[in-house]
Amino acid sequence: MDIARALAIIERLCSQDLTAEYGRPRVASGRLGPATAALATSGEFWAGDPAEWERAEEQFEAYRDGLSERLAARWGPPYLIGLAGVFERAQSAEDIPEPWDTLSSHVPDLHLWRIPGRDRWLALGVSQWDRELPFQLLAVVTDVDPP
């Protein structure tokens, strides 16, 4: 992973217009849409080698932690939040706002910053939808407070 490239992508996300998610404004809710970027993506794990999967998981967590250190130098230490409880609440039919609802289904925990001078949050997390599918290091910028 190229840290400089990832920081540049995060800078763009932080300054992006969030009013048009999926090509249309989110007028009904009055909320802005999240901006999301995959900063790195692994290969798939169809062969089922557990050691390869564990190495990839460790590598992506190390990517996240290294990038988090750089962001902490700018904005202070992140909030560290687990999303298991959010996922359980969503499964119990509680209305969880986006992007938190979707993130809770494939990102176990987040490094989270309130972006100084902006009414926005930056979330950084390692995603994996299923054991065979790739890991992704995601950056998400949203104006929706975490639940």
C-alpha atoms as a PDB file:
ATOM      1  CA  MET A   1       0.000   0.000   0.000  1.00  0.00           C
ATOM      2  CA  ASP A   2       1.232   3.456  -0.878  1.00  0.00           C
ATOM      3  CA  ILE A   3       0.668   5.679   2.202  1.00  0.00           C
ATOM      4  CA  ALA A   4       1.114   8.924   0.233  1.00  0.00           C
ATOM      5  CA  ARG A   5      -1.489   7.804  -2.324  1.00  0.00           C
ATOM      6  CA  ALA A   6      -3.904   6.743   0.445  1.00  0.00           C
ATOM      7  CA  LEU A   7      -3.500  10.112   2.210  1.00  0.00           C
ATOM      8  CA  ALA A   8      -4.191  11.938  -1.066  1.00  0.00           C
ATOM      9  CA  ILE A   9      -7.372   9.894  -1.580  1.00  0.00           C
ATOM     10  CA  ILE A  10      -8.477  10.642   1.983  1.00  0.00           C
ATOM     11  CA  GLU A  11      -7.855  14.370   1.422  1.00  0.00           C
ATOM     12  CA  ARG A  12     -10.082  14.239  -1.677  1.00  0.00           C
ATOM     13  CA  LEU A  13     -12.794  12.375   0.217  1.00  0.00           C
ATOM     14  CA  CYS A  14     -12.700  14.887   3.061  1.00  0.00           C
ATOM     15  CA  SER A  15     -13.229  17.806   0.686  1.00  0.00           C
ATOM     16  CA  GLN A  16     -15.700  16.059  -1.621  1.00  0.00           C
ATOM     17  CA  ASP A  17     -19.273  17.259  -2.043  1.00  0.00           C
ATOM     18  CA  LEU A  18     -21.329  14.684  -0.182  1.00  0.00           C
ATOM     19  CA  THR A  19     -24.716  15.811  -1.489  1.00  0.00           C
ATOM     20  CA  ALA A  20     -24.928  13.333  -4.362  1.00  0.00           C
ATOM     21  CA  GLU A  21     -24.550   9.732  -3.286  1.00  0.00           C
ATOM     22  CA  TYR A  22     -25.209   7.215  -6.037  1.00  0.00           C
ATOM     23  CA  GLY A  23     -25.814  10.068  -8.487  1.00  0.00           C
ATOM     24  CA  ARG A  24     -28.697  11.788  -6.761  1.00  0.00           C
ATOM     25  CA  PRO A  25     -29.143  14.129  -3.800  1.00  0.00           C
ATOM     26  CA  ARG A  26     -30.350  12.724  -0.501  1.00  0.00           C
ATOM     27  CA  VAL A  27     -32.919  15.492  -0.070  1.00  0.00           C
ATOM     28  CA  ALA A  28     -35.562  13.490   1.779  1.00  0.00           C
ATOM     29  CA  SER A  29     -33.362  12.829   4.814  1.00  0.00           C
ATOM     30  CA  GLY A  30     -31.597  16.180   4.760  1.00  0.00           C
ATOM     31  CA  ARG A  31     -28.386  14.226   5.253  1.00  0.00           C
ATOM     32  CA  LEU A  32     -25.457  14.080   2.920  1.00  0.00           C
ATOM     33  CA  GLY A  33     -24.242  10.858   1.359  1.00  0.00           C
ATOM     34  CA  PRO A  34     -21.051   9.134   2.478  1.00  0.00           C
ATOM     35  CA  ALA A  35     -17.949   9.199   0.302  1.00  0.00           C
ATOM     36  CA  THR A  36     -16.134   5.852   0.242  1.00  0.00           C
ATOM     37  CA  ALA A  37     -12.857   4.657  -1.239  1.00  0.00           C
ATOM     38  CA  ALA A  38     -11.073   1.313  -1.233  1.00  0.00           C
ATOM     39  CA  LEU A  39      -7.472   2.257  -0.441  1.00  0.00           C
ATOM     40  CA  ALA A  40      -6.169  -1.295  -0.962  1.00  0.00           C
ATOM     41  CA  THR A  41      -7.683  -4.622  -2.033  1.00  0.00           C
ATOM     42  CA  SER A  42      -6.257  -8.129  -1.576  1.00  0.00           C
ATOM     43  CA  GLY A  43      -6.718 -11.135  -3.785  1.00  0.00           C
ATOM     44  CA  GLU A  44      -9.498 -13.649  -3.213  1.00  0.00           C
ATOM     45  CA  PHE A  45      -9.144 -16.738  -1.010  1.00  0.00           C
ATOM     46  CA  TRP A  46     -11.004 -19.463  -2.913  1.00  0.00           C
ATOM     47  CA  ALA A  47      -8.173 -21.979  -2.380  1.00  0.00           C
ATOM     48  CA  GLY A  48      -8.981 -21.912   1.315  1.00  0.00           C
ATOM     49  CA  ASP A  49      -5.429 -21.665   2.706  1.00  0.00           C
ATOM     50  CA  PRO A  50      -6.017 -20.461   6.296  1.00  0.00           C
ATOM     51  CA  ALA A  51      -2.410 -19.279   6.698  1.00  0.00           C
ATOM     52  CA  GLU A  52      -2.678 -17.092   3.581  1.00  0.00           C
ATOM     53  CA  TRP A  53      -5.953 -15.632   4.855  1.00  0.00           C
ATOM     54  CA  GLU A  54      -4.428 -14.878   8.291  1.00  0.00           C
ATOM     55  CA  ARG A  55      -1.376 -13.214   6.693  1.00  0.00           C
ATOM     56  CA  ALA A  56      -3.635 -11.023   4.560  1.00  0.00           C
ATOM     57  CA  GLU A  57      -5.755 -10.077   7.569  1.00  0.00           C
ATOM     58  CA  GLU A  58      -2.642  -9.111   9.553  1.00  0.00           C
ATOM     59  CA  GLN A  59      -1.240  -7.177   6.577  1.00  0.00           C
ATOM     60  CA  PHE A  60      -4.435  -5.162   6.091  1.00  0.00           C
ATOM     61  CA  GLU A  61      -4.700  -4.409   9.800  1.00  0.00           C
ATOM     62  CA  ALA A  62      -1.077  -3.224   9.692  1.00  0.00           C
ATOM     63  CA  TYR A  63      -1.933  -1.008   6.679  1.00  0.00           C
ATOM     64  CA  ARG A  64      -4.831   0.470   8.629  1.00  0.00           C
ATOM     65  CA  ASP A  65      -2.708   1.010  11.730  1.00  0.00           C
ATOM     66  CA  GLY A  66       0.121   2.663   9.765  1.00  0.00           C
ATOM     67  CA  LEU A  67      -2.265   5.009   8.007  1.00  0.00           C
ATOM     68  CA  SER A  68      -4.011   5.671  11.307  1.00  0.00           C
ATOM     69  CA  GLU A  69      -0.689   6.785  12.828  1.00  0.00           C
ATOM     70  CA  ARG A  70      -0.234   9.305  10.011  1.00  0.00           C
ATOM     71  CA  LEU A  71      -3.771  10.622  10.438  1.00  0.00           C
ATOM     72  CA  ALA A  72      -3.338  10.792  14.225  1.00  0.00           C
ATOM     73  CA  ALA A  73      -0.346  13.083  13.687  1.00  0.00           C
ATOM     74  CA  ARG A  74      -2.746  15.460  11.867  1.00  0.00           C
ATOM     75  CA  TRP A  75      -5.967  15.123  13.811  1.00  0.00           C
ATOM     76  CA  GLY A  76      -5.092  13.455  17.087  1.00  0.00           C
ATOM     77  CA  PRO A  77      -5.729   9.876  18.158  1.00  0.00           C
ATOM     78  CA  PRO A  78      -8.734   8.145  16.621  1.00  0.00           C
ATOM     79  CA  TYR A  79     -11.774   6.863  18.422  1.00  0.00           C
ATOM     80  CA  LEU A  80     -11.622   3.059  18.225  1.00  0.00           C
ATOM     81  CA  ILE A  81     -15.101   1.622  17.846  1.00  0.00           C
ATOM     82  CA  GLY A  82     -16.360  -1.920  17.381  1.00  0.00           C
ATOM     83  CA  LEU A  83     -19.342  -2.425  15.102  1.00  0.00           C
ATOM     84  CA  ALA A  84     -20.584  -5.794  16.417  1.00  0.00           C
ATOM     85  CA  GLY A  85     -23.176  -4.095  18.612  1.00  0.00           C
ATOM     86  CA  VAL A  86     -24.330  -1.914  15.715  1.00  0.00           C
ATOM     87  CA  PHE A  87     -24.683  -5.051  13.561  1.00  0.00           C
ATOM     88  CA  GLU A  88     -26.740  -6.775  16.291  1.00  0.00           C
ATOM     89  CA  ARG A  89     -28.995  -3.728  16.592  1.00  0.00           C
ATOM     90  CA  ALA A  90     -29.504  -3.676  12.814  1.00  0.00           C
ATOM     91  CA  GLN A  91     -30.353  -7.396  12.852  1.00  0.00           C
ATOM     92  CA  SER A  92     -32.941  -6.655  15.558  1.00  0.00           C
ATOM     93  CA  ALA A  93     -34.715  -4.326  13.092  1.00  0.00           C
ATOM     94  CA  GLU A  94     -33.379  -1.104  14.605  1.00  0.00           C
ATOM     95  CA  ASP A  95     -33.043   1.585  11.943  1.00  0.00           C
ATOM     96  CA  ILE A  96     -29.296   2.232  11.758  1.00  0.00           C
ATOM     97  CA  PRO A  97     -28.302   5.128   9.474  1.00  0.00           C
ATOM     98  CA  GLU A  98     -25.910   4.716   6.586  1.00  0.00           C
ATOM     99  CA  PRO A  99     -23.025   4.274   6.258  1.00  0.00           C
ATOM    100  CA  TRP A 100     -22.960   2.607   9.699  1.00  0.00           C
ATOM    101  CA  ASP A 101     -25.570  -0.049   8.876  1.00  0.00           C
ATOM    102  CA  THR A 102     -23.709  -1.365   5.836  1.00  0.00           C
ATOM    103  CA  LEU A 103     -20.262  -0.996   7.421  1.00  0.00           C
ATOM    104  CA  SER A 104     -21.339  -3.057  10.440  1.00  0.00           C
ATOM    105  CA  SER A 105     -22.042  -6.033   8.176  1.00  0.00           C
ATOM    106  CA  HIS A 106     -18.467  -6.334   6.864  1.00  0.00           C
ATOM    107  CA  VAL A 107     -16.121  -4.154   8.971  1.00  0.00           C
ATOM    108  CA  PRO A 108     -15.626  -5.370  12.559  1.00  0.00           C
ATOM    109  CA  ASP A 109     -14.043  -2.187  13.930  1.00  0.00           C
ATOM    110  CA  LEU A 110     -13.120   1.328  12.871  1.00  0.00           C
ATOM    111  CA  HIS A 111     -10.590   4.033  13.538  1.00  0.00           C
ATOM    112  CA  LEU A 112     -12.695   7.181  13.571  1.00  0.00           C
ATOM    113  CA  TRP A 113     -11.896  10.901  13.545  1.00  0.00           C
ATOM    114  CA  ARG A 114     -14.050  13.995  13.689  1.00  0.00           C
ATOM    115  CA  ILE A 115     -12.512  16.075  10.883  1.00  0.00           C
ATOM    116  CA  PRO A 116     -11.419  19.406  12.369  1.00  0.00           C
ATOM    117  CA  GLY A 117     -13.285  22.414  11.020  1.00  0.00           C
ATOM    118  CA  ARG A 118     -15.845  20.282   9.174  1.00  0.00           C
ATOM    119  CA  ASP A 119     -19.070  18.643  10.225  1.00  0.00           C
ATOM    120  CA  ARG A 120     -17.783  15.253   9.044  1.00  0.00           C
ATOM    121  CA  TRP A 121     -16.353  11.985  10.246  1.00  0.00           C
ATOM    122  CA  LEU A 122     -13.574   9.914   8.686  1.00  0.00           C
ATOM    123  CA  ALA A 123     -13.757   6.170   9.307  1.00  0.00           C
ATOM    124  CA  LEU A 124     -10.929   3.801   8.429  1.00  0.00           C
ATOM    125  CA  GLY A 125     -11.512   0.049   8.568  1.00  0.00           C
ATOM    126  CA  VAL A 126     -10.663  -3.347   7.132  1.00  0.00           C
ATOM    127  CA  SER A 127     -13.553  -4.924   5.244  1.00  0.00           C
ATOM    128  CA  GLN A 128     -14.181  -8.512   4.299  1.00  0.00           C
ATOM    129  CA  TRP A 129     -17.625  -9.663   3.228  1.00  0.00           C
ATOM    130  CA  ASP A 130     -16.884 -13.398   3.388  1.00  0.00           C
ATOM    131  CA  ARG A 131     -13.900 -15.646   4.080  1.00  0.00           C
ATOM    132  CA  GLU A 132     -13.304 -16.339   0.360  1.00  0.00           C
ATOM    133  CA  LEU A 133     -13.549 -12.699  -0.727  1.00  0.00           C
ATOM    134  CA  PRO A 134     -10.824 -10.023  -0.717  1.00  0.00           C
ATOM    135  CA  PHE A 135      -9.915  -7.809   2.181  1.00  0.00           C
ATOM    136  CA  GLN A 136     -10.242  -4.073   1.558  1.00  0.00           C
ATOM    137  CA  LEU A 137      -8.909  -1.114   3.481  1.00  0.00           C
ATOM    138  CA  LEU A 138     -11.784   1.385   3.353  1.00  0.00           C
ATOM    139  CA  ALA A 139     -11.926   5.103   4.030  1.00  0.00           C
ATOM    140  CA  VAL A 140     -15.410   6.548   4.536  1.00  0.00           C
ATOM    141  CA  VAL A 141     -16.297  10.217   5.027  1.00  0.00           C
ATOM    142  CA  THR A 142     -19.793  11.064   6.241  1.00  0.00           C
ATOM    143  CA  ASP A 143     -21.723  13.764   8.052  1.00  0.00           C
ATOM    144  CA  VAL A 144     -23.833  11.153   9.886  1.00  0.00           C
ATOM    145  CA  ASP A 145     -22.791  10.703  13.505  1.00  0.00           C
ATOM    146  CA  PRO A 146     -21.944   7.125  14.538  1.00  0.00           C
ATOM    147  CA  PRO A 147     -24.779   5.344  16.345  1.00  0.00           C
END
